[in-house]
Amino acid sequence: MVVINPACTPLLARKTAQAQTLDELLFAMIVLGDDRLIEQTIISQAKYAMARIQSARSAIKNSAK
């Protein structure tokens, strides 16, 4: 299961707040969303917060330097 945060950026928060239908909400998230849209991923009742994923990405970037 993926937990999303439709207010992860100011622009996305404004667009999703104005959405009147599910189609408009999904369209805003598809067009304006990025990796910050994913709040957390839950796999087999084990939570992996986005912070862990971001720290792993940072470690990979730092090791490549």
Protein backbone atom coordinates (compact mmCIF):
# COMPACT_ATOMS: atom_id res chain seq x y z
CA MET A 1 0.00 0.00 0.00
CA VAL A 2 1.23 3.49 -0.78
CA VAL A 3 0.29 6.50 1.36
CA ILE A 4 0.24 9.74 -0.62
CA ASN A 5 0.30 13.34 0.57
CA PRO A 6 -1.59 15.60 -1.87
CA ALA A 7 -0.35 18.67 0.03
CA CYS A 8 3.36 17.89 -0.28
CA THR A 9 4.12 21.08 -2.24
CA PRO A 10 2.36 24.44 -2.11
CA LEU A 11 1.25 24.27 -5.76
CA LEU A 12 -0.05 20.71 -5.45
CA ALA A 13 -1.85 21.60 -2.21
CA ARG A 14 -3.60 24.50 -3.92
CA LYS A 15 -4.59 22.45 -6.99
CA THR A 16 -5.85 19.46 -5.00
CA ALA A 17 -7.83 21.74 -2.68
CA GLN A 18 -9.59 23.19 -5.72
CA ALA A 19 -10.39 19.76 -7.22
CA GLN A 20 -14.11 19.05 -7.30
CA THR A 21 -14.00 15.52 -8.68
CA LEU A 22 -11.78 12.49 -8.29
CA ASP A 23 -10.65 12.96 -11.90
CA GLU A 24 -9.41 16.48 -11.15
CA LEU A 25 -7.64 15.32 -7.99
CA LEU A 26 -5.88 12.45 -9.77
CA PHE A 27 -4.97 14.65 -12.74
CA ALA A 28 -3.33 17.22 -10.45
CA MET A 29 -1.33 14.53 -8.67
CA ILE A 30 -0.24 12.92 -11.96
CA VAL A 31 0.83 16.18 -13.57
CA LEU A 32 2.32 18.00 -10.57
CA GLY A 33 3.39 15.14 -8.31
CA ASP A 34 6.96 13.97 -7.83
CA ASP A 35 8.76 11.76 -5.32
CA ARG A 36 7.54 13.95 -2.44
CA LEU A 37 3.97 12.84 -3.16
CA ILE A 38 4.71 9.39 -1.67
CA GLU A 39 4.50 9.77 2.12
CA GLN A 40 5.26 6.14 2.97
CA THR A 41 5.10 2.63 1.62
CA ILE A 42 3.64 -0.18 3.69
CA ILE A 43 4.75 -3.68 2.79
CA SER A 44 3.46 -6.65 4.72
CA GLN A 45 2.64 -4.53 7.79
CA ALA A 46 6.21 -3.15 7.89
CA LYS A 47 6.37 0.61 7.37
CA TYR A 48 9.18 2.12 5.36
CA ALA A 49 9.01 5.91 5.70
CA MET A 50 10.04 8.14 2.84
CA ALA A 51 12.84 9.43 5.06
CA ARG A 52 14.56 6.03 4.83
CA ILE A 53 14.30 6.03 1.07
CA GLN A 54 15.65 9.58 0.88
CA SER A 55 18.54 8.77 3.20
CA ALA A 56 19.40 5.77 1.03
CA ARG A 57 19.33 8.00 -2.06
CA SER A 58 21.61 10.48 -0.32
CA ALA A 59 24.03 7.72 0.63
CA ILE A 60 24.13 6.53 -2.98
CA LYS A 61 24.73 10.07 -4.26
CA ASN A 62 27.48 10.66 -1.70
CA SER A 63 29.22 7.41 -2.51
CA ALA A 64 29.23 8.28 -6.22
CA LYS A 65 31.19 11.51 -5.57
